[in-house]
């Protein structure tokens, strides 16, 4: 009689682990993106005119540095992993 109950516990624990892992990953990713300190408008990484949740989550892997473009102070947003430029923003 104990075996079916034990099997149910094991299945429930497995389902909980499968659900908990992506929830934990997304939570850490969202916290990292929030800590990046970008405004919602800044996070429109591909210039489509609006910021999505995916853009928000990408903020965790994007850095910001000041640069000079034609003598004008601008900001360059780049991927941390390979330093590729995502976008450059200059004041108008």
C-alpha atoms as a PDB file:
ATOM      1  CA  UNK A   1       0.000   0.000   0.000  1.00  0.00           C
ATOM      2  CA  UNK A   2       2.856   2.403   0.649  1.00  0.00           C
ATOM      3  CA  UNK A   3       4.298   1.959  -2.808  1.00  0.00           C
ATOM      4  CA  UNK A   4       1.622   3.853  -4.833  1.00  0.00           C
ATOM      5  CA  UNK A   5       1.774   6.765  -2.381  1.00  0.00           C
ATOM      6  CA  UNK A   6       5.581   6.818  -2.620  1.00  0.00           C
ATOM      7  CA  UNK A   7       5.383   6.762  -6.397  1.00  0.00           C
ATOM      8  CA  UNK A   8       2.930   9.707  -6.352  1.00  0.00           C
ATOM      9  CA  UNK A   9       5.324  11.670  -4.150  1.00  0.00           C
ATOM     10  CA  UNK A  10       8.184  10.952  -6.507  1.00  0.00           C
ATOM     11  CA  UNK A  11       6.166  12.017  -9.572  1.00  0.00           C
ATOM     12  CA  UNK A  12       4.991  15.192  -7.810  1.00  0.00           C
ATOM     13  CA  UNK A  13       8.555  16.048  -6.810  1.00  0.00           C
ATOM     14  CA  UNK A  14       9.755  15.470 -10.378  1.00  0.00           C
ATOM     15  CA  UNK A  15       7.008  17.705 -11.820  1.00  0.00           C
ATOM     16  CA  UNK A  16       7.804  20.378  -9.237  1.00  0.00           C
ATOM     17  CA  UNK A  17      11.511  20.247 -10.133  1.00  0.00           C
ATOM     18  CA  UNK A  18      10.744  20.490 -13.854  1.00  0.00           C
ATOM     19  CA  UNK A  19       8.511  23.537 -13.285  1.00  0.00           C
ATOM     20  CA  UNK A  20      10.773  25.169 -10.679  1.00  0.00           C
ATOM     21  CA  UNK A  21      13.932  25.209 -12.820  1.00  0.00           C
ATOM     22  CA  UNK A  22      12.619  27.518 -15.596  1.00  0.00           C
ATOM     23  CA  UNK A  23      10.812  29.690 -13.038  1.00  0.00           C
ATOM     24  CA  UNK A  24      14.056  30.091 -11.094  1.00  0.00           C
ATOM     25  CA  UNK A  25      16.024  30.838 -14.293  1.00  0.00           C
ATOM     26  CA  UNK A  26      13.503  33.475 -15.436  1.00  0.00           C
ATOM     27  CA  UNK A  27      13.431  35.025 -11.973  1.00  0.00           C
ATOM     28  CA  UNK A  28      17.220  35.373 -11.868  1.00  0.00           C
ATOM     29  CA  UNK A  29      17.226  36.711 -15.419  1.00  0.00           C
ATOM     30  CA  UNK A  30      14.487  39.268 -14.644  1.00  0.00           C
ATOM     31  CA  UNK A  31      16.314  40.400 -11.497  1.00  0.00           C
ATOM     32  CA  UNK A  32      19.557  40.826 -13.471  1.00  0.00           C
ATOM     33  CA  UNK A  33      17.744  42.784 -16.187  1.00  0.00           C
ATOM     34  CA  UNK A  34      16.094  45.018 -13.590  1.00  0.00           C
ATOM     35  CA  UNK A  35      19.472  45.644 -11.924  1.00  0.00           C
ATOM     36  CA  UNK A  36      20.972  46.703 -15.281  1.00  0.00           C
ATOM     37  CA  UNK A  37      19.276  50.065 -14.682  1.00  0.00           C
ATOM     38  CA  UNK A  38      17.931  50.786 -18.158  1.00  0.00           C
ATOM     39  CA  UNK A  39      14.729  52.711 -18.700  1.00  0.00           C
ATOM     40  CA  UNK A  40      11.923  50.851 -20.468  1.00  0.00           C
ATOM     41  CA  UNK A  41      12.437  52.978 -23.612  1.00  0.00           C
ATOM     42  CA  UNK A  42      16.193  52.247 -23.673  1.00  0.00           C
ATOM     43  CA  UNK A  43      15.517  48.524 -23.850  1.00  0.00           C
ATOM     44  CA  UNK A  44      14.099  48.678 -27.386  1.00  0.00           C
ATOM     45  CA  UNK A  45      17.248  46.914 -28.606  1.00  0.00           C
ATOM     46  CA  UNK A  46      16.181  46.388 -32.202  1.00  0.00           C
ATOM     47  CA  UNK A  47      14.502  49.791 -32.734  1.00  0.00           C
ATOM     48  CA  UNK A  48      11.027  48.480 -33.463  1.00  0.00           C
ATOM     49  CA  UNK A  49       9.400  51.302 -31.494  1.00  0.00           C
ATOM     50  CA  UNK A  50       8.329  49.348 -28.419  1.00  0.00           C
ATOM     51  CA  UNK A  51       9.921  47.341 -25.650  1.00  0.00           C
ATOM     52  CA  UNK A  52       8.780  43.769 -25.074  1.00  0.00           C
ATOM     53  CA  UNK A  53       9.327  41.375 -22.196  1.00  0.00           C
ATOM     54  CA  UNK A  54      11.992  39.637 -24.315  1.00  0.00           C
ATOM     55  CA  UNK A  55      13.784  42.999 -24.719  1.00  0.00           C
ATOM     56  CA  UNK A  56      13.577  43.444 -20.945  1.00  0.00           C
ATOM     57  CA  UNK A  57      15.126  40.015 -20.332  1.00  0.00           C
ATOM     58  CA  UNK A  58      17.912  40.726 -22.863  1.00  0.00           C
ATOM     59  CA  UNK A  59      18.940  43.736 -20.745  1.00  0.00           C
ATOM     60  CA  UNK A  60      20.705  41.314 -18.392  1.00  0.00           C
ATOM     61  CA  UNK A  61      23.329  40.604 -21.060  1.00  0.00           C
ATOM     62  CA  UNK A  62      23.771  44.122 -22.483  1.00  0.00           C
ATOM     63  CA  UNK A  63      26.257  46.733 -21.284  1.00  0.00           C
ATOM     64  CA  UNK A  64      26.380  50.491 -21.881  1.00  0.00           C
ATOM     65  CA  UNK A  65      29.441  52.653 -22.481  1.00  0.00           C
ATOM     66  CA  UNK A  66      29.967  56.285 -23.528  1.00  0.00           C
ATOM     67  CA  UNK A  67      31.607  56.875 -26.915  1.00  0.00           C
ATOM     68  CA  UNK A  68      32.390  59.800 -29.203  1.00  0.00           C
ATOM     69  CA  UNK A  69      30.747  59.872 -32.644  1.00  0.00           C
ATOM     70  CA  UNK A  70      31.821  62.808 -34.836  1.00  0.00           C
ATOM     71  CA  UNK A  71      32.774  64.738 -31.703  1.00  0.00           C
ATOM     72  CA  UNK A  72      29.370  64.125 -30.108  1.00  0.00           C
ATOM     73  CA  UNK A  73      28.915  62.273 -26.810  1.00  0.00           C
ATOM     74  CA  UNK A  74      26.838  59.121 -27.454  1.00  0.00           C
ATOM     75  CA  UNK A  75      26.131  55.784 -25.777  1.00  0.00           C
ATOM     76  CA  UNK A  76      26.877  52.389 -27.199  1.00  0.00           C
ATOM     77  CA  UNK A  77      24.976  49.312 -26.017  1.00  0.00           C
ATOM     78  CA  UNK A  78      26.906  46.039 -26.451  1.00  0.00           C
ATOM     79  CA  UNK A  79      26.658  42.352 -25.636  1.00  0.00           C
ATOM     80  CA  UNK A  80      28.790  41.409 -22.632  1.00  0.00           C
ATOM     81  CA  UNK A  81      29.830  38.021 -24.013  1.00  0.00           C
ATOM     82  CA  UNK A  82      31.463  39.216 -27.252  1.00  0.00           C
ATOM     83  CA  UNK A  83      31.390  43.040 -27.157  1.00  0.00           C
ATOM     84  CA  UNK A  84      29.279  43.235 -30.337  1.00  0.00           C
ATOM     85  CA  UNK A  85      27.373  46.523 -30.617  1.00  0.00           C
ATOM     86  CA  UNK A  86      23.599  46.191 -30.243  1.00  0.00           C
ATOM     87  CA  UNK A  87      22.828  49.874 -30.861  1.00  0.00           C
ATOM     88  CA  UNK A  88      24.302  53.346 -30.602  1.00  0.00           C
ATOM     89  CA  UNK A  89      22.270  56.314 -29.337  1.00  0.00           C
ATOM     90  CA  UNK A  90      23.286  59.943 -29.780  1.00  0.00           C
ATOM     91  CA  UNK A  91      21.329  62.925 -28.421  1.00  0.00           C
ATOM     92  CA  UNK A  92      19.650  64.999 -31.080  1.00  0.00           C
END
